[in-house]
Protein backbone atom coordinates (compact mmCIF):
# COMPACT_ATOMS: atom_id res chain seq x y z
CA MET A 1 36.32 -55.67 24.63
CA LEU A 2 38.49 -52.80 25.81
CA ILE A 3 39.27 -52.63 29.50
CA LEU A 4 39.66 -48.94 30.28
CA THR A 5 42.12 -48.13 33.02
CA HIS A 6 45.11 -45.85 33.47
CA ASN A 7 47.64 -48.20 31.90
CA THR A 8 45.56 -49.06 28.82
CA LEU A 9 44.82 -45.52 27.59
CA ARG A 10 46.84 -42.83 25.88
CA ASN A 11 44.49 -40.26 27.41
CA PRO A 12 43.83 -41.49 30.98
CA ALA A 13 42.47 -38.06 31.93
CA ILE A 14 39.10 -39.19 30.53
CA LEU A 15 38.78 -41.55 33.50
CA LYS A 16 37.99 -38.66 35.83
CA VAL A 17 34.70 -39.36 37.61
CA ARG A 18 32.05 -37.01 38.90
CA GLN A 19 29.31 -39.55 39.48
CA LEU A 20 28.80 -43.26 39.00
CA PRO A 21 28.53 -44.95 36.65
CA ARG A 22 31.07 -43.15 34.46
CA LYS A 23 29.91 -43.18 30.82
CA PHE A 24 32.21 -42.90 27.81
CA PHE A 25 30.32 -43.30 24.54
CA GLY A 26 29.23 -39.96 23.13
CA ARG A 27 31.10 -38.04 25.83
CA VAL A 28 34.84 -38.55 25.39
CA ALA A 29 37.25 -39.94 22.81
CA VAL A 30 38.86 -43.21 23.86
CA TRP A 31 42.40 -43.80 22.59
CA PRO A 32 43.72 -47.20 23.69
CA ARG A 33 47.39 -47.79 24.25
CA GLY A 34 49.07 -50.57 22.24
CA GLN A 35 48.39 -52.27 18.94
CA MET A 36 44.75 -52.30 17.85
CA GLY A 37 45.17 -53.26 14.23
CA PHE A 38 43.68 -51.43 11.27
CA SER A 39 40.20 -52.94 11.64
CA GLY A 40 40.14 -52.08 15.35
CA PHE A 41 41.20 -48.52 14.60
CA LEU A 42 38.45 -48.13 11.98
CA ARG A 43 35.85 -49.52 14.38
CA LEU A 44 36.94 -47.02 16.99
CA ILE A 45 36.90 -43.90 14.81
CA ILE A 46 33.48 -44.73 13.33
CA GLU A 47 32.11 -43.75 16.74
CA PHE A 48 32.87 -40.12 15.86
CA GLN A 49 29.68 -38.49 14.59
CA ALA A 50 31.51 -36.14 12.21
CA ILE A 51 33.09 -39.09 10.43
CA ARG A 52 29.77 -40.94 10.17
CA TYR A 53 28.02 -37.84 8.84
CA THR A 54 30.71 -37.39 6.20
CA LEU A 55 30.39 -41.02 5.13
CA SER A 56 26.60 -40.67 5.01
CA LEU A 57 26.92 -37.75 2.60
CA LEU A 58 29.62 -39.42 0.50
CA PRO A 59 27.19 -40.47 -2.29
CA LEU A 60 26.07 -36.85 -2.70
CA ILE A 61 29.68 -35.67 -2.67
CA LEU A 62 30.64 -38.16 -5.38
CA ILE A 63 27.62 -37.25 -7.51
CA GLY A 64 28.49 -33.56 -7.22
CA MET A 65 32.09 -34.23 -8.21
CA ASN A 66 31.15 -36.27 -11.28
CA TRP A 67 28.10 -34.33 -12.44
CA ASN A 68 28.81 -30.64 -12.00
CA ALA A 69 25.32 -29.66 -13.09
CA LEU A 70 23.91 -31.39 -10.01
CA ALA A 71 26.42 -30.00 -7.52
CA LEU A 72 24.72 -26.63 -6.95
CA PRO A 73 21.13 -27.98 -6.61
CA MET A 74 22.30 -30.58 -4.08
CA ALA A 75 24.30 -28.01 -2.12
CA GLN A 76 21.11 -25.95 -1.85
CA ALA A 77 19.04 -28.89 -0.62
CA PRO A 78 19.94 -29.28 3.07
CA ILE A 79 16.77 -31.29 3.69
CA LEU A 80 18.13 -34.04 1.44
CA MET A 81 21.40 -34.08 3.39
CA ILE A 82 19.57 -34.22 6.72
CA ALA A 83 17.36 -37.03 5.43
CA MET A 84 20.36 -39.09 4.35
CA ILE A 85 22.12 -38.63 7.68
CA TRP A 86 18.91 -39.52 9.55
CA TRP A 87 18.38 -42.69 7.51
CA VAL A 88 21.93 -43.91 8.01
CA GLU A 89 21.99 -43.07 11.72
CA MET A 90 18.50 -44.19 12.73
CA ARG A 91 17.57 -46.87 10.19
CA PHE A 92 20.84 -48.42 9.08
CA LEU A 93 23.19 -48.16 12.05
CA ARG A 94 20.49 -48.51 14.72
CA VAL A 95 17.53 -50.81 15.22
CA PRO A 96 14.15 -49.04 14.98
CA GLN A 97 12.15 -49.45 18.16
CA SER A 98 9.39 -51.29 16.29
CA ARG A 99 11.84 -54.09 15.37
CA ARG A 100 13.76 -54.43 18.64
CA HIS A 101 11.53 -57.16 20.07
CA ARG A 102 12.42 -59.41 17.13
CA LEU A 103 16.11 -59.52 17.96
CA ILE A 104 15.90 -61.91 20.91
CA GLU A 105 13.24 -63.55 23.06
CA GLY A 106 12.62 -61.93 26.43
CA ALA A 107 13.44 -65.07 28.42
CA GLU A 108 16.71 -65.57 26.57
CA ALA A 109 17.65 -61.93 27.14
CA GLU A 110 17.01 -62.30 30.88
CA ARG A 111 19.17 -65.43 31.01
CA GLY A 112 21.96 -63.57 29.27
CA LEU A 113 21.75 -60.65 31.72
CA ASP A 114 21.69 -63.05 34.67
CA LEU A 115 24.85 -64.67 33.34
CA LEU A 116 26.47 -61.25 32.89
CA ARG A 117 25.73 -60.41 36.51
CA VAL A 118 27.09 -63.74 37.75
CA GLN A 119 30.30 -63.51 35.73
CA ALA A 120 30.81 -59.83 36.55
CA ARG A 121 30.46 -60.50 40.27
CA ALA A 122 32.86 -63.42 39.96
CA ALA A 123 35.45 -61.07 38.45
CA LEU A 124 34.83 -58.43 41.12
CA THR A 125 35.12 -61.07 43.86
CA LYS A 126 38.59 -62.01 42.60
CA ILE A 127 39.65 -58.37 42.41
CA ALA A 128 38.31 -57.52 45.88
CA ALA A 129 39.91 -60.63 47.38
CA ALA A 130 43.28 -59.92 45.75
CA ARG A 131 43.16 -56.38 47.19
CA ASP A 132 42.07 -57.73 50.58
CA MET A 133 39.13 -55.32 50.61
CA LYS A 134 37.05 -55.54 53.77
CA GLN A 135 34.46 -52.89 52.95
CA GLY A 136 33.28 -50.62 50.16
CA SER A 137 31.65 -51.37 46.83
CA LEU A 138 33.03 -52.02 43.38
CA HIS A 139 31.13 -51.56 40.15
CA LEU A 140 31.91 -53.46 36.98
CA VAL A 141 30.50 -51.22 34.25
CA VAL A 142 29.98 -52.76 30.81
CA GLU A 143 29.11 -50.16 28.18
CA GLN A 144 28.49 -50.90 24.52
CA SER A 145 28.16 -48.80 21.40
CA GLU A 146 24.63 -48.14 20.17
CA LEU A 147 25.65 -48.88 16.58
CA TRP A 148 24.11 -52.15 15.43
CA ARG A 149 25.36 -53.14 11.97
CA LEU A 150 28.98 -53.10 13.10
CA PRO A 151 31.09 -55.42 15.26
CA PRO A 152 30.33 -54.79 18.95
CA LEU A 153 32.54 -52.29 20.72
CA THR A 154 32.55 -52.79 24.49
CA TYR A 155 34.18 -50.65 27.17
CA VAL A 156 34.70 -52.31 30.55
CA THR A 157 35.71 -50.43 33.67
CA VAL A 158 35.89 -51.16 37.38
CA GLN A 159 34.58 -48.17 39.29
CA SER A 160 34.56 -47.49 43.01
CA ASP A 161 32.29 -45.51 45.31
CA ASP A 162 35.45 -44.43 47.13
CA GLY A 163 36.22 -41.19 45.35
CA PRO A 164 34.31 -41.92 43.20
CA GLU A 165 36.90 -43.16 40.76
CA VAL A 166 37.75 -45.54 37.95
CA VAL A 167 39.96 -48.12 39.59
CA LYS A 168 43.55 -48.42 38.40
CA LEU A 169 43.78 -52.10 37.44
CA SER A 170 46.92 -54.18 37.32
CA ALA A 171 47.73 -56.51 34.44
CA GLN A 172 46.69 -59.45 36.61
CA GLU A 173 43.33 -57.86 37.43
CA ARG A 174 42.68 -57.11 33.76
CA GLU A 175 43.42 -60.75 32.99
CA MET A 176 40.88 -61.79 35.64
CA ILE A 177 38.22 -59.78 33.84
CA GLU A 178 39.19 -61.11 30.42
CA GLN A 179 39.03 -64.70 31.63
CA THR A 180 35.80 -64.32 33.58
CA LEU A 181 33.43 -61.78 32.05
CA PHE A 182 32.54 -63.02 28.56
CA GLN A 183 32.36 -66.78 28.73
CA PRO A 184 30.08 -68.96 26.54
CA PRO A 185 27.18 -68.87 26.12
CA LEU A 186 27.48 -65.14 26.81
CA THR A 187 29.49 -63.27 24.18
CA GLU A 188 29.91 -59.61 23.30
CA LYS A 189 27.75 -60.17 20.23
CA LYS A 190 24.96 -61.70 22.28
CA LEU A 191 25.11 -58.85 24.78
CA GLN A 192 24.94 -56.44 21.86
CA ARG A 193 21.74 -58.15 20.69
CA ILE A 194 20.27 -57.97 24.21
CA ASN A 195 21.18 -54.31 24.58
CA GLN A 196 19.71 -53.44 21.20
CA ALA A 197 16.49 -55.27 22.04
CA THR A 198 16.11 -53.51 25.39
CA GLY A 199 17.51 -50.13 24.39
CA VAL A 200 19.92 -50.23 27.36
CA PHE A 201 23.62 -49.96 26.54
CA LEU A 202 25.23 -49.56 29.95
CA ARG A 203 25.17 -52.34 32.55
CA ASP A 204 26.34 -51.54 36.06
CA ILE A 205 26.97 -54.58 38.28
CA THR A 206 27.70 -53.72 41.91
CA PHE A 207 29.58 -55.88 44.41
CA ASP A 208 29.92 -55.27 48.15
CA ALA A 209 33.40 -56.21 49.33
CA ARG A 210 31.92 -57.55 52.56
CA GLY A 211 30.55 -60.39 50.45
CA VAL A 212 33.98 -61.83 49.66
CA SER A 213 34.07 -65.34 51.06
CA ALA A 214 36.89 -66.74 53.18
CA HIS A 215 37.54 -69.25 50.41
CA ALA A 216 38.02 -66.46 47.87
CA ARG A 217 40.40 -64.61 50.21
CA LEU A 218 42.42 -67.77 50.78
CA ALA A 219 42.61 -68.47 47.04
CA ALA A 220 43.83 -64.91 46.45
CA ALA A 221 46.45 -65.22 49.18
CA LEU A 222 47.77 -68.46 47.70
CA ALA A 223 47.82 -67.17 44.12
């Protein structure tokens, strides 16, 4: 899970909002600030279509390099290249629509989404209480990559109708989200399965600041 806010990105300009919810996958390149590790870096760059297309065509490139007689015929067969890219993108990296219902039972998916809403609103309650918000709405937007046969990649933002804007979160607020959002039995992997089964990859949970209880405000004041 990557919490996207001004202090966690090398390119915070991508947080500019025109309408809610702000989407990121397929629209902008996300470059997190700090150490991601090699595996995290690879997972991030595989979201670039050009890189995936190159990897899809790698077998043809290797064959052409090792068997020169086949290089020209393959270069003149764009349909073969398109077919390989299509198979990797639509059959290998994504779940065909005919198989989506097998990923998870409908009732279990609904329970998972209910839990996501509960935990997201709990996080937003803490944030709104800590900011002493009396009115306005916050959105906790959880967006996942559509790629299936890879570890889940999840972008989490707090967005506000006031602006609209992506909220600039403090370290304490980011910690609230990390400690609250994905708690067992809901994990990023399970949400990935639910999203793949339903074909929905962006979840927007809205919270009205007027719903912050007196108990939550007191707890925030004493923290």
